[in-house]
C-alpha atoms as a PDB file:
ATOM      1  CA  MET A   1      -4.099  21.177  25.613  1.00  0.00           C
ATOM      2  CA  SER A   2      -2.662  21.872  22.184  1.00  0.00           C
ATOM      3  CA  ASP A   3      -0.983  19.491  19.789  1.00  0.00           C
ATOM      4  CA  THR A   4       2.765  19.743  19.800  1.00  0.00           C
ATOM      5  CA  PRO A   5       4.871  19.460  16.642  1.00  0.00           C
ATOM      6  CA  ASP A   6       6.340  16.194  17.943  1.00  0.00           C
ATOM      7  CA  LYS A   7       2.876  14.734  18.481  1.00  0.00           C
ATOM      8  CA  ASN A   8       1.819  15.805  14.982  1.00  0.00           C
ATOM      9  CA  LYS A   9       4.915  14.126  13.515  1.00  0.00           C
ATOM     10  CA  THR A  10       4.122  10.954  15.423  1.00  0.00           C
ATOM     11  CA  VAL A  11       0.540  10.925  14.181  1.00  0.00           C
ATOM     12  CA  GLU A  12       1.679  11.567  10.596  1.00  0.00           C
ATOM     13  CA  TYR A  13       4.279   8.791  10.881  1.00  0.00           C
ATOM     14  CA  ASP A  14       1.655   6.387  12.264  1.00  0.00           C
ATOM     15  CA  LEU A  15      -0.686   7.199   9.365  1.00  0.00           C
ATOM     16  CA  ARG A  16       2.075   6.635   6.803  1.00  0.00           C
ATOM     17  CA  LEU A  17       3.019   3.368   8.451  1.00  0.00           C
ATOM     18  CA  LYS A  18      -0.604   2.189   8.396  1.00  0.00           C
ATOM     19  CA  GLU A  19      -0.941   3.264   4.746  1.00  0.00           C
ATOM     20  CA  ALA A  20       2.204   1.328   3.831  1.00  0.00           C
ATOM     21  CA  GLU A  21       0.965  -1.738   5.697  1.00  0.00           C
ATOM     22  CA  LEU A  22      -2.412  -1.654   3.971  1.00  0.00           C
ATOM     23  CA  THR A  23      -0.799  -1.095   0.568  1.00  0.00           C
ATOM     24  CA  LEU A  24       1.502  -4.084   1.076  1.00  0.00           C
ATOM     25  CA  ARG A  25      -1.378  -6.245   2.270  1.00  0.00           C
ATOM     26  CA  ALA A  26      -3.624  -5.285  -0.652  1.00  0.00           C
ATOM     27  CA  SER A  27      -0.835  -5.907  -3.153  1.00  0.00           C
ATOM     28  CA  LYS A  28      -0.096  -9.316  -1.660  1.00  0.00           C
ATOM     29  CA  GLU A  29      -3.775 -10.283  -1.753  1.00  0.00           C
ATOM     30  CA  ILE A  30      -4.116  -9.220  -5.391  1.00  0.00           C
ATOM     31  CA  VAL A  31      -1.071 -11.230  -6.461  1.00  0.00           C
ATOM     32  CA  ALA A  32      -2.180 -14.216  -4.375  1.00  0.00           C
ATOM     33  CA  LYS A  33      -5.551 -14.115  -6.124  1.00  0.00           C
ATOM     34  CA  PHE A  34      -3.805 -13.974  -9.513  1.00  0.00           C
ATOM     35  CA  ILE A  35      -1.798 -17.067  -8.531  1.00  0.00           C
ATOM     36  CA  GLU A  36      -4.916 -18.886  -7.286  1.00  0.00           C
ATOM     37  CA  THR A  37      -6.732 -18.219 -10.551  1.00  0.00           C
ATOM     38  CA  GLY A  38      -3.747 -19.282 -12.656  1.00  0.00           C
ATOM     39  CA  ARG A  39      -3.114 -15.842 -14.157  1.00  0.00           C
ATOM     40  CA  VAL A  40       0.356 -15.675 -12.601  1.00  0.00           C
ATOM     41  CA  SER A  41       2.819 -18.409 -11.690  1.00  0.00           C
ATOM     42  CA  PRO A  42       4.426 -18.418  -8.245  1.00  0.00           C
ATOM     43  CA  THR A  43       7.843 -18.163  -9.905  1.00  0.00           C
ATOM     44  CA  SER A  44       7.000 -14.707 -11.241  1.00  0.00           C
ATOM     45  CA  PHE A  45       5.718 -13.440  -7.872  1.00  0.00           C
ATOM     46  CA  GLU A  46       8.523 -10.922  -7.347  1.00  0.00           C
ATOM     47  CA  GLU A  47       8.122  -9.237 -10.730  1.00  0.00           C
ATOM     48  CA  VAL A  48       4.336  -9.188 -10.603  1.00  0.00           C
ATOM     49  CA  PHE A  49       4.255  -8.059  -6.975  1.00  0.00           C
ATOM     50  CA  SER A  50       6.475  -5.061  -7.781  1.00  0.00           C
ATOM     51  CA  ARG A  51       4.163  -3.985 -10.596  1.00  0.00           C
ATOM     52  CA  VAL A  52       0.992  -4.497  -8.543  1.00  0.00           C
ATOM     53  CA  PHE A  53       2.502  -2.692  -5.536  1.00  0.00           C
ATOM     54  CA  GLU A  54       3.409   0.272  -7.742  1.00  0.00           C
ATOM     55  CA  ALA A  55      -0.127   0.405  -9.168  1.00  0.00           C
ATOM     56  CA  VAL A  56      -1.751   0.173  -5.723  1.00  0.00           C
ATOM     57  CA  THR A  57       0.594   2.853  -4.363  1.00  0.00           C
ATOM     58  CA  LYS A  58      -0.301   5.193  -7.234  1.00  0.00           C
ATOM     59  CA  ALA A  59      -4.011   4.567  -6.703  1.00  0.00           C
ATOM     60  CA  VAL A  60      -3.787   5.240  -2.965  1.00  0.00           C
ATOM     61  CA  SER A  61      -1.704   8.387  -3.497  1.00  0.00           C
ATOM     62  CA  SER A  62      -4.101   9.642  -6.132  1.00  0.00           C
ATOM     63  CA  HIS A  63      -7.059   9.040  -3.845  1.00  0.00           C
ATOM     64  CA  ILE A  64      -5.386  10.767  -0.898  1.00  0.00           C
ATOM     65  CA  ASN A  65      -4.431  13.780  -3.036  1.00  0.00           C
ATOM     66  CA  ARG A  66      -8.007  14.155  -4.265  1.00  0.00           C
ATOM     67  CA  SER A  67      -9.379  13.850  -0.731  1.00  0.00           C
ATOM     68  CA  SER A  68      -7.191  16.575   0.762  1.00  0.00           C
END
């Protein structure tokens, strides 16, 4: 049984979805830890989250590109 293009697309989509979920979760945890330690106030969550999410996304992308 060979892999079909549709199956490959589904697998790729599932991997991207999982990557996005993990990136969001990691970003949230980092910002939550910053808030807990007093480094960031809850009122600046949106701004800080965007910056942390961008940094985590770049790190993940860089790691994936080096691994392939």
